[in-house]
Amino acid sequence: MAQASTSDTPFSAAVLTVSDRGFQGERADASGPAVEALLAEKGFRVAAADLVPDGIGPVAEALRAYVAQDVALVVTVGGTGFSPRDLTPEATLSVVERLCPGIPEAMRAVSLAKTPHGCLSREVAGICGRTLIVNVPGSPRAAVENLSAVTGALAHGLAMLRGGPADCAEA
């Protein structure tokens, strides 16, 4: 697990790619780097990027490690579909303390505007401690489109979550 810094300005972020084939070296990860680039472009400090196999255990363990490192935002990439091994939402639900349903709702709305299959994505978002965890789909294009739909809101939410000067009345 790559180390994350504790500085929150700009907000720290980690990208966790979830893929059996990527983890086994059978396929190069294009989605994780695409999400890293988007986060950096939007002002986040990408402090960690890792790749784990599908399954509740490996994903939940990585998420808990990021929370322990006080990473502000963790974006998981992949494992949100209907395949039997797509268990990223379940792993996320096993770690988070509070759900943030508006984030995946906004992402699915963007997907549905492009394809009727957008409703099949099972991503979730939630909070554990001071860390916001957001699932995005595994394809590079869908991951970037989904995350792009919410990055502005994420920065505001993180400011509130981490005790910053966010003012909801001004948003």
Foldseek 3Di string as FASTA:
>chain_A
DFAAAQDVVVAEEEEEEEAQCCVVVNDPQPQRVLVVVLCVVLGYHHRYYYYDYFDLVVLLVVVVVCVVSVHQEYEYEALFADPPSSCNQVSVVVAADAWDAVLLVQLLVQVVVPPVCSVRGRWTWHHHQLYIYTYFYHDNVSRSSSCVRCVVVSSLVSCVSVVHPRDPVVD
